Amino acid sequence: MTEAGLLASQEPLAERYDLALVDLDGVAYRGHEPIDGAADGLDRARGAGMRLVFVTNNASREPEQVADQLVGLGIPTAPDEVMTAAQAAAELLATRVTAGSRVLVVGGAGLLTAVRAKGYEVVASADDEPVAVVQGFAPDLGWAHLAEAAYAVQRGAWHVASNLDLSLPTARGFAPGNGSLVGAVRAATGVEPASAGKPSPTMYHLAVERYGARAPLVIGDRLDTDLAGARSGGIPGLHVLTGVSSARDDVLAVAGERPHYIGADLRSLLEPHPAPVLREGWWVCREAAARVHDGALELGPARGSAPDGRLDLVRAACAAAWDAADHGAPLQPSAVPEL
């Protein structure tokens, strides 16, 4: 690993790591559309011996529904290869709440199924004296559901959220996500909930335990959830540039959200990943170079015409910017050119 935080792999990642923890939207697909190279990259990764588990903050859908969607996009997937935030929330409940206890569920079918599968009695009212409230997103949640959650939490029930994503991407734009709805209960009670979803590493650790993996790799498109969870869980993370966070976001990333690898898409699992090295004041990655000089990020000329030259420039820029930040001189966004 370089001082600035990137890892080098001389072998393809699909050969170095035995389990990929793959995010869905922005990585395997975009909305209802396939992402170019996703099915091919995952199929070839499987062929190289890498196992896959799809890890999602969505708590409203059943694993079978997620698997069916992936199959429809040309990505063969079994339900037991899906780990949802609903399952993670139920597992988190089990760390403090004994089976058979009453749990108030505020969420969709996926959350109800996961909680019942752990042996809990599901209730719908605070008057049923639940010992815990577990909350996940569902599009039909309303004030009455949130009020019951607030009443129960005020009476001492443990509040567990499937995830704290503030927004939810839809075809019309960004809508309030589960974190926004959880925020209403938090505001009413003053109680901070526990969270099972990313950026908490709970789901990653559950998946690693389920598959007995020795060398897992997180793959995601969002620095603040996928890659932050990788960092906090001590698992290497690959950022693919097919979703929310951009290459420029990588350069400006805070330490707890930095990726260990950067790839264009899921086909980067089949490639080696060079890491920049420091030479005469420049961070150099093959034919690309970058440095921070007088508070500004400077990019050296990218010699050659290699198809991955842009990625090498991103890697070099990240190394230069992260090194500067780690030594007390973080860049301002205005000082970072487009990559």
C-alpha atoms as a PDB file:
ATOM      1  CA  MET A   1       0.000   0.000   0.000  1.00  0.00           C
ATOM      2  CA  THR A   2       1.201   3.501  -0.787  1.00  0.00           C
ATOM      3  CA  GLU A   3       1.464   5.976   2.039  1.00  0.00           C
ATOM      4  CA  ALA A   4      -1.639   7.663   0.659  1.00  0.00           C
ATOM      5  CA  GLY A   5      -3.830   4.580   0.807  1.00  0.00           C
ATOM      6  CA  LEU A   6      -4.102   2.817  -2.561  1.00  0.00           C
ATOM      7  CA  LEU A   7      -3.291  -0.868  -2.850  1.00  0.00           C
ATOM      8  CA  ALA A   8      -1.360  -2.489  -5.686  1.00  0.00           C
ATOM      9  CA  SER A   9      -2.281  -5.855  -7.164  1.00  0.00           C
ATOM     10  CA  GLN A  10      -0.121  -7.439  -9.831  1.00  0.00           C
ATOM     11  CA  GLU A  11      -2.745 -10.127 -10.384  1.00  0.00           C
ATOM     12  CA  PRO A  12      -6.393  -9.598 -11.377  1.00  0.00           C
ATOM     13  CA  LEU A  13      -8.591  -8.827  -8.376  1.00  0.00           C
ATOM     14  CA  ALA A  14     -10.795 -11.841  -9.190  1.00  0.00           C
ATOM     15  CA  GLU A  15      -7.794 -14.067  -8.531  1.00  0.00           C
ATOM     16  CA  ARG A  16      -6.532 -12.247  -5.460  1.00  0.00           C
ATOM     17  CA  TYR A  17      -9.860 -12.110  -3.569  1.00  0.00           C
ATOM     18  CA  ASP A  18     -12.206 -15.034  -2.968  1.00  0.00           C
ATOM     19  CA  LEU A  19     -15.477 -13.160  -2.335  1.00  0.00           C
ATOM     20  CA  ALA A  20     -16.852  -9.987  -3.914  1.00  0.00           C
ATOM     21  CA  LEU A  21     -19.366  -7.983  -1.866  1.00  0.00           C
ATOM     22  CA  VAL A  22     -21.132  -6.250  -4.753  1.00  0.00           C
ATOM     23  CA  ASP A  23     -23.401  -3.233  -4.454  1.00  0.00           C
ATOM     24  CA  LEU A  24     -26.389  -3.157  -6.821  1.00  0.00           C
ATOM     25  CA  ASP A  25     -27.631   0.200  -8.146  1.00  0.00           C
ATOM     26  CA  GLY A  26     -24.783   2.024  -9.855  1.00  0.00           C
ATOM     27  CA  VAL A  27     -22.623  -1.109  -9.964  1.00  0.00           C
ATOM     28  CA  ALA A  28     -24.556  -4.097 -11.332  1.00  0.00           C
ATOM     29  CA  TYR A  29     -27.329  -1.995 -12.890  1.00  0.00           C
ATOM     30  CA  ARG A  30     -28.565   1.577 -13.104  1.00  0.00           C
ATOM     31  CA  GLY A  31     -32.236   1.828 -12.222  1.00  0.00           C
ATOM     32  CA  HIS A  32     -33.841  -0.792 -14.436  1.00  0.00           C
ATOM     33  CA  GLU A  33     -31.075  -0.690 -17.050  1.00  0.00           C
ATOM     34  CA  PRO A  34     -27.946  -2.871 -17.244  1.00  0.00           C
ATOM     35  CA  ILE A  35     -24.534  -1.251 -16.893  1.00  0.00           C
ATOM     36  CA  ASP A  36     -22.161  -1.911 -19.755  1.00  0.00           C
ATOM     37  CA  GLY A  37     -19.676  -4.613 -18.835  1.00  0.00           C
ATOM     38  CA  ALA A  38     -21.352  -5.589 -15.571  1.00  0.00           C
ATOM     39  CA  ALA A  39     -22.678  -9.014 -16.594  1.00  0.00           C
ATOM     40  CA  ASP A  40     -19.506  -9.847 -18.504  1.00  0.00           C
ATOM     41  CA  GLY A  41     -17.211  -8.743 -15.692  1.00  0.00           C
ATOM     42  CA  LEU A  42     -19.098 -10.710 -13.043  1.00  0.00           C
ATOM     43  CA  ASP A  43     -19.357 -13.814 -15.234  1.00  0.00           C
ATOM     44  CA  ARG A  44     -15.620 -13.819 -15.912  1.00  0.00           C
ATOM     45  CA  ALA A  45     -14.885 -13.128 -12.236  1.00  0.00           C
ATOM     46  CA  ARG A  46     -16.899 -16.223 -11.306  1.00  0.00           C
ATOM     47  CA  GLY A  47     -14.952 -18.148 -13.922  1.00  0.00           C
ATOM     48  CA  ALA A  48     -11.733 -17.079 -12.223  1.00  0.00           C
ATOM     49  CA  GLY A  49     -12.976 -18.583  -8.932  1.00  0.00           C
ATOM     50  CA  MET A  50     -14.408 -15.498  -7.224  1.00  0.00           C
ATOM     51  CA  ARG A  51     -17.701 -15.948  -5.382  1.00  0.00           C
ATOM     52  CA  LEU A  52     -20.272 -13.166  -5.393  1.00  0.00           C
ATOM     53  CA  VAL A  53     -22.781 -11.839  -2.881  1.00  0.00           C
ATOM     54  CA  PHE A  54     -24.879  -8.793  -3.688  1.00  0.00           C
ATOM     55  CA  VAL A  55     -25.142  -6.427  -0.730  1.00  0.00           C
ATOM     56  CA  THR A  56     -27.864  -3.783  -0.744  1.00  0.00           C
ATOM     57  CA  ASN A  57     -29.176  -1.138   1.637  1.00  0.00           C
ATOM     58  CA  ASN A  58     -32.656  -1.798   0.246  1.00  0.00           C
ATOM     59  CA  ALA A  59     -34.750  -3.387   3.003  1.00  0.00           C
ATOM     60  CA  SER A  60     -38.101  -3.451   1.235  1.00  0.00           C
ATOM     61  CA  ARG A  61     -37.458  -6.250  -1.265  1.00  0.00           C
ATOM     62  CA  GLU A  62     -37.048  -9.977  -0.679  1.00  0.00           C
ATOM     63  CA  PRO A  63     -33.748 -11.616  -1.751  1.00  0.00           C
ATOM     64  CA  GLU A  64     -35.740 -13.608  -4.324  1.00  0.00           C
ATOM     65  CA  GLN A  65     -36.930 -10.383  -5.962  1.00  0.00           C
ATOM     66  CA  VAL A  66     -33.399  -9.002  -6.134  1.00  0.00           C
ATOM     67  CA  ALA A  67     -32.086 -12.263  -7.594  1.00  0.00           C
ATOM     68  CA  ASP A  68     -34.843 -12.303 -10.211  1.00  0.00           C
ATOM     69  CA  GLN A  69     -33.961  -8.777 -11.311  1.00  0.00           C
ATOM     70  CA  LEU A  70     -30.295  -9.693 -11.687  1.00  0.00           C
ATOM     71  CA  VAL A  71     -31.132 -12.825 -13.644  1.00  0.00           C
ATOM     72  CA  GLY A  72     -33.252 -10.696 -15.967  1.00  0.00           C
ATOM     73  CA  LEU A  73     -30.195  -8.515 -16.612  1.00  0.00           C
ATOM     74  CA  GLY A  74     -28.041 -11.489 -17.569  1.00  0.00           C
ATOM     75  CA  ILE A  75     -26.404 -11.948 -14.159  1.00  0.00           C
ATOM     76  CA  PRO A  76     -27.209 -15.456 -12.855  1.00  0.00           C
ATOM     77  CA  THR A  77     -27.937 -15.090  -9.134  1.00  0.00           C
ATOM     78  CA  ALA A  78     -29.446 -17.303  -6.438  1.00  0.00           C
ATOM     79  CA  PRO A  79     -31.414 -15.789  -3.536  1.00  0.00           C
ATOM     80  CA  ASP A  80     -28.747 -16.900  -1.050  1.00  0.00           C
ATOM     81  CA  GLU A  81     -26.281 -14.705  -2.954  1.00  0.00           C
ATOM     82  CA  VAL A  82     -28.195 -11.605  -1.845  1.00  0.00           C
ATOM     83  CA  MET A  83     -27.674  -9.853   1.500  1.00  0.00           C
ATOM     84  CA  THR A  84     -30.189  -7.105   2.243  1.00  0.00           C
ATOM     85  CA  ALA A  85     -30.251  -4.455   4.929  1.00  0.00           C
ATOM     86  CA  ALA A  86     -33.395  -6.143   6.228  1.00  0.00           C
ATOM     87  CA  GLN A  87     -31.461  -9.334   6.915  1.00  0.00           C
ATOM     88  CA  ALA A  88     -28.667  -7.328   8.517  1.00  0.00           C
ATOM     89  CA  ALA A  89     -31.155  -5.486  10.725  1.00  0.00           C
ATOM     90  CA  ALA A  90     -32.650  -8.785  11.898  1.00  0.00           C
ATOM     91  CA  GLU A  91     -29.162 -10.078  12.677  1.00  0.00           C
ATOM     92  CA  LEU A  92     -28.412  -6.887  14.597  1.00  0.00           C
ATOM     93  CA  LEU A  93     -31.603  -7.366  16.610  1.00  0.00           C
ATOM     94  CA  ALA A  94     -30.426 -10.842  17.561  1.00  0.00           C
ATOM     95  CA  THR A  95     -27.358  -9.409  19.286  1.00  0.00           C
ATOM     96  CA  ARG A  96     -29.566  -7.961  22.053  1.00  0.00           C
ATOM     97  CA  VAL A  97     -33.110  -9.291  21.685  1.00  0.00           C
ATOM     98  CA  THR A  98     -34.001 -12.914  22.395  1.00  0.00           C
ATOM     99  CA  ALA A  99     -36.047 -14.946  19.923  1.00  0.00           C
ATOM    100  CA  GLY A 100     -39.766 -14.883  20.636  1.00  0.00           C
ATOM    101  CA  SER A 101     -39.719 -11.250  21.768  1.00  0.00           C
ATOM    102  CA  ARG A 102     -42.149  -8.738  20.352  1.00  0.00           C
ATOM    103  CA  VAL A 103     -40.744  -6.415  17.691  1.00  0.00           C
ATOM    104  CA  LEU A 104     -42.541  -3.503  16.057  1.00  0.00           C
ATOM    105  CA  VAL A 105     -41.710  -3.570  12.343  1.00  0.00           C
ATOM    106  CA  VAL A 106     -42.007  -0.352  10.366  1.00  0.00           C
ATOM    107  CA  GLY A 107     -41.170  -1.269   6.783  1.00  0.00           C
ATOM    108  CA  GLY A 108     -41.900  -3.461   3.791  1.00  0.00           C
ATOM    109  CA  ALA A 109     -42.263  -7.162   3.065  1.00  0.00           C
ATOM    110  CA  GLY A 110     -38.534  -7.821   3.022  1.00  0.00           C
ATOM    111  CA  LEU A 111     -38.125  -6.516   6.553  1.00  0.00           C
ATOM    112  CA  LEU A 112     -41.153  -8.419   7.853  1.00  0.00           C
ATOM    113  CA  THR A 113     -39.819 -11.667   6.397  1.00  0.00           C
ATOM    114  CA  ALA A 114     -36.318 -11.156   7.800  1.00  0.00           C
ATOM    115  CA  VAL A 115     -37.568 -10.359  11.318  1.00  0.00           C
ATOM    116  CA  ARG A 116     -39.968 -13.313  11.389  1.00  0.00           C
ATOM    117  CA  ALA A 117     -37.198 -15.609  10.113  1.00  0.00           C
ATOM    118  CA  LYS A 118     -35.168 -14.776  13.234  1.00  0.00           C
ATOM    119  CA  GLY A 119     -38.025 -16.003  15.431  1.00  0.00           C
ATOM    120  CA  TYR A 120     -39.516 -12.702  16.569  1.00  0.00           C
ATOM    121  CA  GLU A 121     -43.216 -11.946  17.087  1.00  0.00           C
ATOM    122  CA  VAL A 122     -44.065  -9.036  14.799  1.00  0.00           C
ATOM    123  CA  VAL A 123     -46.454  -6.404  16.174  1.00  0.00           C
ATOM    124  CA  ALA A 124     -47.858  -3.205  14.685  1.00  0.00           C
ATOM    125  CA  SER A 125     -48.576  -1.065  17.754  1.00  0.00           C
ATOM    126  CA  ALA A 126     -46.583   0.432  20.591  1.00  0.00           C
ATOM    127  CA  ASP A 127     -49.404  -0.704  22.870  1.00  0.00           C
ATOM    128  CA  ASP A 128     -48.252  -4.298  22.238  1.00  0.00           C
ATOM    129  CA  GLU A 129     -45.161  -3.436  24.335  1.00  0.00           C
ATOM    130  CA  PRO A 130     -42.448  -4.346  21.823  1.00  0.00           C
ATOM    131  CA  VAL A 131     -38.891  -4.538  23.135  1.00  0.00           C
ATOM    132  CA  ALA A 132     -37.513  -3.220  19.857  1.00  0.00           C
ATOM    133  CA  VAL A 133     -38.523  -1.204  16.810  1.00  0.00           C
ATOM    134  CA  VAL A 134     -36.918  -2.067  13.480  1.00  0.00           C
ATOM    135  CA  GLN A 135     -37.422   0.471  10.715  1.00  0.00           C
ATOM    136  CA  GLY A 136     -36.842   0.164   6.977  1.00  0.00           C
ATOM    137  CA  PHE A 137     -38.071   1.943   3.882  1.00  0.00           C
ATOM    138  CA  ALA A 138     -41.378   1.194   2.198  1.00  0.00           C
ATOM    139  CA  PRO A 139     -43.137   3.566  -0.207  1.00  0.00           C
ATOM    140  CA  ASP A 140     -46.465   3.310   1.639  1.00  0.00           C
ATOM    141  CA  LEU A 141     -45.169   4.303   5.078  1.00  0.00           C
ATOM    142  CA  GLY A 142     -47.091   7.173   6.616  1.00  0.00           C
ATOM    143  CA  TRP A 143     -47.392   9.310   9.717  1.00  0.00           C
ATOM    144  CA  ALA A 144     -49.302   6.643  11.656  1.00  0.00           C
ATOM    145  CA  HIS A 145     -46.462   4.121  11.226  1.00  0.00           C
ATOM    146  CA  LEU A 146     -43.821   6.648  12.301  1.00  0.00           C
ATOM    147  CA  ALA A 147     -45.942   7.674  15.272  1.00  0.00           C
ATOM    148  CA  GLU A 148     -46.180   4.080  16.522  1.00  0.00           C
ATOM    149  CA  ALA A 149     -42.406   3.773  16.221  1.00  0.00           C
ATOM    150  CA  ALA A 150     -41.934   7.004  18.183  1.00  0.00           C
ATOM    151  CA  TYR A 151     -44.339   5.914  20.934  1.00  0.00           C
ATOM    152  CA  ALA A 152     -42.518   2.584  21.320  1.00  0.00           C
ATOM    153  CA  VAL A 153     -39.063   4.153  21.389  1.00  0.00           C
ATOM    154  CA  GLN A 154     -40.224   6.693  23.986  1.00  0.00           C
ATOM    155  CA  ARG A 155     -41.319   3.766  26.158  1.00  0.00           C
ATOM    156  CA  GLY A 156     -37.876   2.177  25.987  1.00  0.00           C
ATOM    157  CA  ALA A 157     -37.903   0.007  22.859  1.00  0.00           C
ATOM    158  CA  TRP A 158     -34.530  -0.336  21.118  1.00  0.00           C
ATOM    159  CA  HIS A 159     -34.623   1.506  17.779  1.00  0.00           C
ATOM    160  CA  VAL A 160     -32.839  -0.292  14.916  1.00  0.00           C
ATOM    161  CA  ALA A 161     -32.729   1.148  11.395  1.00  0.00           C
ATOM    162  CA  SER A 162     -32.033  -0.951   8.330  1.00  0.00           C
ATOM    163  CA  ASN A 163     -30.021   1.971   6.925  1.00  0.00           C
ATOM    164  CA  LEU A 164     -29.717   5.737   7.193  1.00  0.00           C
ATOM    165  CA  ASP A 165     -29.674   6.744   3.510  1.00  0.00           C
ATOM    166  CA  LEU A 166     -31.230  10.219   3.437  1.00  0.00           C
ATOM    167  CA  SER A 167     -32.238  10.064  -0.227  1.00  0.00           C
ATOM    168  CA  LEU A 168     -33.562   7.466  -2.628  1.00  0.00           C
ATOM    169  CA  PRO A 169     -32.969   7.743  -6.400  1.00  0.00           C
ATOM    170  CA  THR A 170     -36.125   7.453  -8.497  1.00  0.00           C
ATOM    171  CA  ALA A 171     -36.958   8.018 -12.155  1.00  0.00           C
ATOM    172  CA  ARG A 172     -38.168  11.536 -11.232  1.00  0.00           C
ATOM    173  CA  GLY A 173     -35.219  12.496  -9.022  1.00  0.00           C
ATOM    174  CA  PHE A 174     -34.185  11.991  -5.423  1.00  0.00           C
ATOM    175  CA  ALA A 175     -36.934  11.207  -2.904  1.00  0.00           C
ATOM    176  CA  PRO A 176     -36.688  10.916   0.906  1.00  0.00           C
ATOM    177  CA  GLY A 177     -34.934   7.698   1.864  1.00  0.00           C
ATOM    178  CA  ASN A 178     -35.124   5.615   5.013  1.00  0.00           C
ATOM    179  CA  GLY A 179     -32.714   7.904   6.823  1.00  0.00           C
ATOM    180  CA  SER A 180     -35.101  10.820   6.366  1.00  0.00           C
ATOM    181  CA  LEU A 181     -37.990   8.789   7.788  1.00  0.00           C
ATOM    182  CA  VAL A 182     -35.836   7.525  10.647  1.00  0.00           C
ATOM    183  CA  GLY A 183     -34.950  11.162  11.259  1.00  0.00           C
ATOM    184  CA  ALA A 184     -38.595  11.922  11.999  1.00  0.00           C
ATOM    185  CA  VAL A 185     -38.630   9.311  14.769  1.00  0.00           C
ATOM    186  CA  ARG A 186     -35.271  10.520  16.054  1.00  0.00           C
ATOM    187  CA  ALA A 187     -36.538  14.110  16.153  1.00  0.00           C
ATOM    188  CA  ALA A 188     -39.639  13.062  18.087  1.00  0.00           C
ATOM    189  CA  THR A 189     -37.793  10.930  20.642  1.00  0.00           C
ATOM    190  CA  GLY A 190     -34.278  12.315  20.886  1.00  0.00           C
ATOM    191  CA  VAL A 191     -32.982   8.735  20.649  1.00  0.00           C
ATOM    192  CA  GLU A 192     -30.191   7.863  18.208  1.00  0.00           C
ATOM    193  CA  PRO A 193     -30.964   4.568  16.425  1.00  0.00           C
ATOM    194  CA  ALA A 194     -28.567   1.741  15.706  1.00  0.00           C
ATOM    195  CA  SER A 195     -28.050   1.117  11.998  1.00  0.00           C
ATOM    196  CA  ALA A 196     -27.399  -2.150  10.176  1.00  0.00           C
ATOM    197  CA  GLY A 197     -26.920  -0.756   6.674  1.00  0.00           C
ATOM    198  CA  LYS A 198     -23.898   0.714   4.950  1.00  0.00           C
ATOM    199  CA  PRO A 199     -21.727   2.555   5.921  1.00  0.00           C
ATOM    200  CA  SER A 200     -21.929   0.267   8.932  1.00  0.00           C
ATOM    201  CA  PRO A 201     -19.883  -2.839   8.024  1.00  0.00           C
ATOM    202  CA  THR A 202     -22.492  -5.170   9.566  1.00  0.00           C
ATOM    203  CA  MET A 203     -23.716  -6.563   6.246  1.00  0.00           C
ATOM    204  CA  TYR A 204     -20.191  -7.094   4.981  1.00  0.00           C
ATOM    205  CA  HIS A 205     -19.205  -9.046   8.078  1.00  0.00           C
ATOM    206  CA  LEU A 206     -22.384 -11.136   7.908  1.00  0.00           C
ATOM    207  CA  ALA A 207     -21.683 -12.020   4.284  1.00  0.00           C
ATOM    208  CA  VAL A 208     -18.062 -12.895   5.020  1.00  0.00           C
ATOM    209  CA  GLU A 209     -19.205 -15.157   7.852  1.00  0.00           C
ATOM    210  CA  ARG A 210     -21.917 -16.743   5.703  1.00  0.00           C
ATOM    211  CA  TYR A 211     -19.438 -17.715   2.980  1.00  0.00           C
ATOM    212  CA  GLY A 212     -16.391 -18.339   5.125  1.00  0.00           C
ATOM    213  CA  ALA A 213     -14.362 -15.963   2.990  1.00  0.00           C
ATOM    214  CA  ARG A 214     -10.680 -15.437   3.740  1.00  0.00           C
ATOM    215  CA  ALA A 215     -10.084 -12.537   1.354  1.00  0.00           C
ATOM    216  CA  PRO A 216     -13.232 -10.448   0.679  1.00  0.00           C
ATOM    217  CA  LEU A 217     -13.431  -7.387  -1.566  1.00  0.00           C
ATOM    218  CA  VAL A 218     -16.116  -4.687  -1.393  1.00  0.00           C
ATOM    219  CA  ILE A 219     -17.285  -3.242  -4.725  1.00  0.00           C
ATOM    220  CA  GLY A 220     -19.355  -0.077  -4.804  1.00  0.00           C
ATOM    221  CA  ASP A 221     -20.088   3.207  -6.534  1.00  0.00           C
ATOM    222  CA  ARG A 222     -20.673   5.418  -3.482  1.00  0.00           C
ATOM    223  CA  LEU A 223     -17.826   6.594  -1.294  1.00  0.00           C
ATOM    224  CA  ASP A 224     -20.042   7.613   1.635  1.00  0.00           C
ATOM    225  CA  THR A 225     -21.731   4.207   1.982  1.00  0.00           C
ATOM    226  CA  ASP A 226     -20.015   1.365   0.093  1.00  0.00           C
ATOM    227  CA  LEU A 227     -16.411   2.452   0.471  1.00  0.00           C
ATOM    228  CA  ALA A 228     -16.860   3.987   3.924  1.00  0.00           C
ATOM    229  CA  GLY A 229     -18.236   0.626   5.032  1.00  0.00           C
ATOM    230  CA  ALA A 230     -15.220  -1.110   3.536  1.00  0.00           C
ATOM    231  CA  ARG A 231     -12.816   1.170   5.401  1.00  0.00           C
ATOM    232  CA  SER A 232     -14.655   0.868   8.711  1.00  0.00           C
ATOM    233  CA  GLY A 233     -14.880  -2.906   8.321  1.00  0.00           C
ATOM    234  CA  GLY A 234     -11.217  -3.368   7.458  1.00  0.00           C
ATOM    235  CA  ILE A 235     -12.012  -4.804   4.020  1.00  0.00           C
ATOM    236  CA  PRO A 236     -10.356  -3.645   0.769  1.00  0.00           C
ATOM    237  CA  GLY A 237     -12.748  -1.697  -1.457  1.00  0.00           C
ATOM    238  CA  LEU A 238     -12.969  -1.234  -5.235  1.00  0.00           C
ATOM    239  CA  HIS A 239     -14.665   1.934  -6.460  1.00  0.00           C
ATOM    240  CA  VAL A 240     -16.202   1.533  -9.924  1.00  0.00           C
ATOM    241  CA  LEU A 241     -16.920   4.749 -11.804  1.00  0.00           C
ATOM    242  CA  THR A 242     -20.379   3.746 -13.050  1.00  0.00           C
ATOM    243  CA  GLY A 243     -22.580   5.328 -10.402  1.00  0.00           C
ATOM    244  CA  VAL A 244     -22.888   8.181  -7.940  1.00  0.00           C
ATOM    245  CA  SER A 245     -19.315   9.060  -6.896  1.00  0.00           C
ATOM    246  CA  SER A 246     -16.915  10.326  -9.557  1.00  0.00           C
ATOM    247  CA  ALA A 247     -13.168  10.233 -10.081  1.00  0.00           C
ATOM    248  CA  ARG A 248     -13.038  13.807  -8.778  1.00  0.00           C
ATOM    249  CA  ASP A 249     -14.831  12.631  -5.641  1.00  0.00           C
ATOM    250  CA  ASP A 250     -12.083  10.033  -5.205  1.00  0.00           C
ATOM    251  CA  VAL A 251      -9.424  12.731  -5.283  1.00  0.00           C
ATOM    252  CA  LEU A 252     -11.260  14.789  -2.652  1.00  0.00           C
ATOM    253  CA  ALA A 253     -12.262  11.819  -0.486  1.00  0.00           C
ATOM    254  CA  VAL A 254     -11.766  12.002   3.263  1.00  0.00           C
ATOM    255  CA  ALA A 255      -9.644   9.254   4.771  1.00  0.00           C
ATOM    256  CA  GLY A 256     -12.576   7.154   5.976  1.00  0.00           C
ATOM    257  CA  GLU A 257     -14.157   6.995   2.499  1.00  0.00           C
ATOM    258  CA  ARG A 258     -11.148   6.366   0.274  1.00  0.00           C
ATOM    259  CA  PRO A 259     -11.172   3.345  -2.026  1.00  0.00           C
ATOM    260  CA  HIS A 260      -8.281   0.896  -2.097  1.00  0.00           C
ATOM    261  CA  TYR A 261      -8.724   0.305  -5.837  1.00  0.00           C
ATOM    262  CA  ILE A 262     -10.337   2.300  -8.657  1.00  0.00           C
ATOM    263  CA  GLY A 263     -11.819   0.762 -11.796  1.00  0.00           C
ATOM    264  CA  ALA A 264     -13.900   1.897 -14.743  1.00  0.00           C
ATOM    265  CA  ASP A 265     -16.532  -0.826 -14.292  1.00  0.00           C
ATOM    266  CA  LEU A 266     -16.863  -4.434 -13.126  1.00  0.00           C
ATOM    267  CA  ARG A 267     -14.521  -5.642 -15.859  1.00  0.00           C
ATOM    268  CA  SER A 268     -11.768  -4.130 -13.722  1.00  0.00           C
ATOM    269  CA  LEU A 269     -12.017  -7.314 -11.620  1.00  0.00           C
ATOM    270  CA  LEU A 270     -10.139  -9.020 -14.432  1.00  0.00           C
ATOM    271  CA  GLU A 271      -7.252  -6.562 -14.433  1.00  0.00           C
ATOM    272  CA  PRO A 272      -4.167  -5.902 -12.314  1.00  0.00           C
ATOM    273  CA  HIS A 273      -4.200  -2.609 -10.428  1.00  0.00           C
ATOM    274  CA  PRO A 274      -0.995  -0.568 -10.207  1.00  0.00           C
ATOM    275  CA  ALA A 275      -0.479   1.820  -7.314  1.00  0.00           C
ATOM    276  CA  PRO A 276       1.330   5.166  -7.597  1.00  0.00           C
ATOM    277  CA  VAL A 277       4.827   5.594  -6.217  1.00  0.00           C
ATOM    278  CA  LEU A 278       6.535   8.822  -5.161  1.00  0.00           C
ATOM    279  CA  ARG A 279       9.367   9.930  -7.465  1.00  0.00           C
ATOM    280  CA  GLU A 280      11.101  13.287  -7.238  1.00  0.00           C
ATOM    281  CA  GLY A 281       8.038  14.992  -5.800  1.00  0.00           C
ATOM    282  CA  TRP A 282       5.554  13.438  -8.234  1.00  0.00           C
ATOM    283  CA  TRP A 283       3.191  10.538  -7.630  1.00  0.00           C
ATOM    284  CA  VAL A 284       3.672   8.327 -10.672  1.00  0.00           C
ATOM    285  CA  CYS A 285       1.428   5.523 -11.928  1.00  0.00           C
ATOM    286  CA  ARG A 286       2.928   3.986 -15.048  1.00  0.00           C
ATOM    287  CA  GLU A 287       2.844   6.860 -17.587  1.00  0.00           C
ATOM    288  CA  ALA A 288       0.691   9.228 -15.511  1.00  0.00           C
ATOM    289  CA  ALA A 289       1.856  11.612 -12.779  1.00  0.00           C
ATOM    290  CA  ALA A 290       0.410  14.137 -10.355  1.00  0.00           C
ATOM    291  CA  ARG A 291       1.535  16.335  -7.504  1.00  0.00           C
ATOM    292  CA  VAL A 292       0.238  19.038  -5.197  1.00  0.00           C
ATOM    293  CA  HIS A 293       2.181  22.253  -5.642  1.00  0.00           C
ATOM    294  CA  ASP A 294       1.378  25.558  -3.925  1.00  0.00           C
ATOM    295  CA  GLY A 295      -1.991  24.204  -2.857  1.00  0.00           C
ATOM    296  CA  ALA A 296      -3.076  23.131  -6.338  1.00  0.00           C
ATOM    297  CA  LEU A 297      -3.230  19.710  -7.946  1.00  0.00           C
ATOM    298  CA  GLU A 298      -0.972  19.489 -10.993  1.00  0.00           C
ATOM    299  CA  LEU A 299      -1.302  16.698 -13.518  1.00  0.00           C
ATOM    300  CA  GLY A 300       1.706  15.603 -15.496  1.00  0.00           C
ATOM    301  CA  PRO A 301       1.412  14.810 -19.192  1.00  0.00           C
ATOM    302  CA  ALA A 302      -0.139  11.383 -19.720  1.00  0.00           C
ATOM    303  CA  ARG A 303       2.296   9.863 -22.144  1.00  0.00           C
ATOM    304  CA  GLY A 304       1.270   6.973 -24.357  1.00  0.00           C
ATOM    305  CA  SER A 305      -2.182   5.899 -25.476  1.00  0.00           C
ATOM    306  CA  ALA A 306      -3.017   3.034 -23.106  1.00  0.00           C
ATOM    307  CA  PRO A 307      -6.796   2.614 -22.683  1.00  0.00           C
ATOM    308  CA  ASP A 308      -6.398   2.724 -18.905  1.00  0.00           C
ATOM    309  CA  GLY A 309      -4.321   5.923 -19.011  1.00  0.00           C
ATOM    310  CA  ARG A 310      -7.182   7.950 -17.496  1.00  0.00           C
ATOM    311  CA  LEU A 311      -7.451   5.549 -14.572  1.00  0.00           C
ATOM    312  CA  ASP A 312      -3.721   5.796 -13.972  1.00  0.00           C
ATOM    313  CA  LEU A 313      -4.054   9.586 -13.917  1.00  0.00           C
ATOM    314  CA  VAL A 314      -6.896   9.294 -11.391  1.00  0.00           C
ATOM    315  CA  ARG A 315      -4.787   6.980  -9.244  1.00  0.00           C
ATOM    316  CA  ALA A 316      -1.827   9.361  -9.359  1.00  0.00           C
ATOM    317  CA  ALA A 317      -4.059  12.332  -8.554  1.00  0.00           C
ATOM    318  CA  CYS A 318      -5.599  10.491  -5.603  1.00  0.00           C
ATOM    319  CA  ALA A 319      -2.190   9.597  -4.213  1.00  0.00           C
ATOM    320  CA  ALA A 320      -0.990  13.193  -4.496  1.00  0.00           C
ATOM    321  CA  ALA A 321      -4.143  14.707  -2.991  1.00  0.00           C
ATOM    322  CA  TRP A 322      -4.434  12.162  -0.177  1.00  0.00           C
ATOM    323  CA  ASP A 323      -0.777  12.528   0.731  1.00  0.00           C
ATOM    324  CA  ALA A 324      -1.182  16.295   0.926  1.00  0.00           C
ATOM    325  CA  ALA A 325      -4.316  15.962   3.059  1.00  0.00           C
ATOM    326  CA  ASP A 326      -2.629  13.489   5.384  1.00  0.00           C
ATOM    327  CA  HIS A 327       0.153  16.006   5.916  1.00  0.00           C
ATOM    328  CA  GLY A 328      -2.207  18.824   6.830  1.00  0.00           C
ATOM    329  CA  ALA A 329      -2.724  20.453   3.421  1.00  0.00           C
ATOM    330  CA  PRO A 330      -6.077  19.254   2.069  1.00  0.00           C
ATOM    331  CA  LEU A 331      -7.085  20.544  -1.356  1.00  0.00           C
ATOM    332  CA  GLN A 332     -10.057  22.792  -1.926  1.00  0.00           C
ATOM    333  CA  PRO A 333     -12.507  21.476  -4.540  1.00  0.00           C
ATOM    334  CA  SER A 334     -11.707  24.478  -6.756  1.00  0.00           C
ATOM    335  CA  ALA A 335      -8.069  23.336  -6.857  1.00  0.00           C
ATOM    336  CA  VAL A 336      -8.947  19.992  -8.485  1.00  0.00           C
ATOM    337  CA  PRO A 337      -9.256  19.953 -12.280  1.00  0.00           C
ATOM    338  CA  GLU A 338     -11.681  17.688 -14.115  1.00  0.00           C
ATOM    339  CA  LEU A 339     -10.315  14.206 -14.651  1.00  0.00           C
END
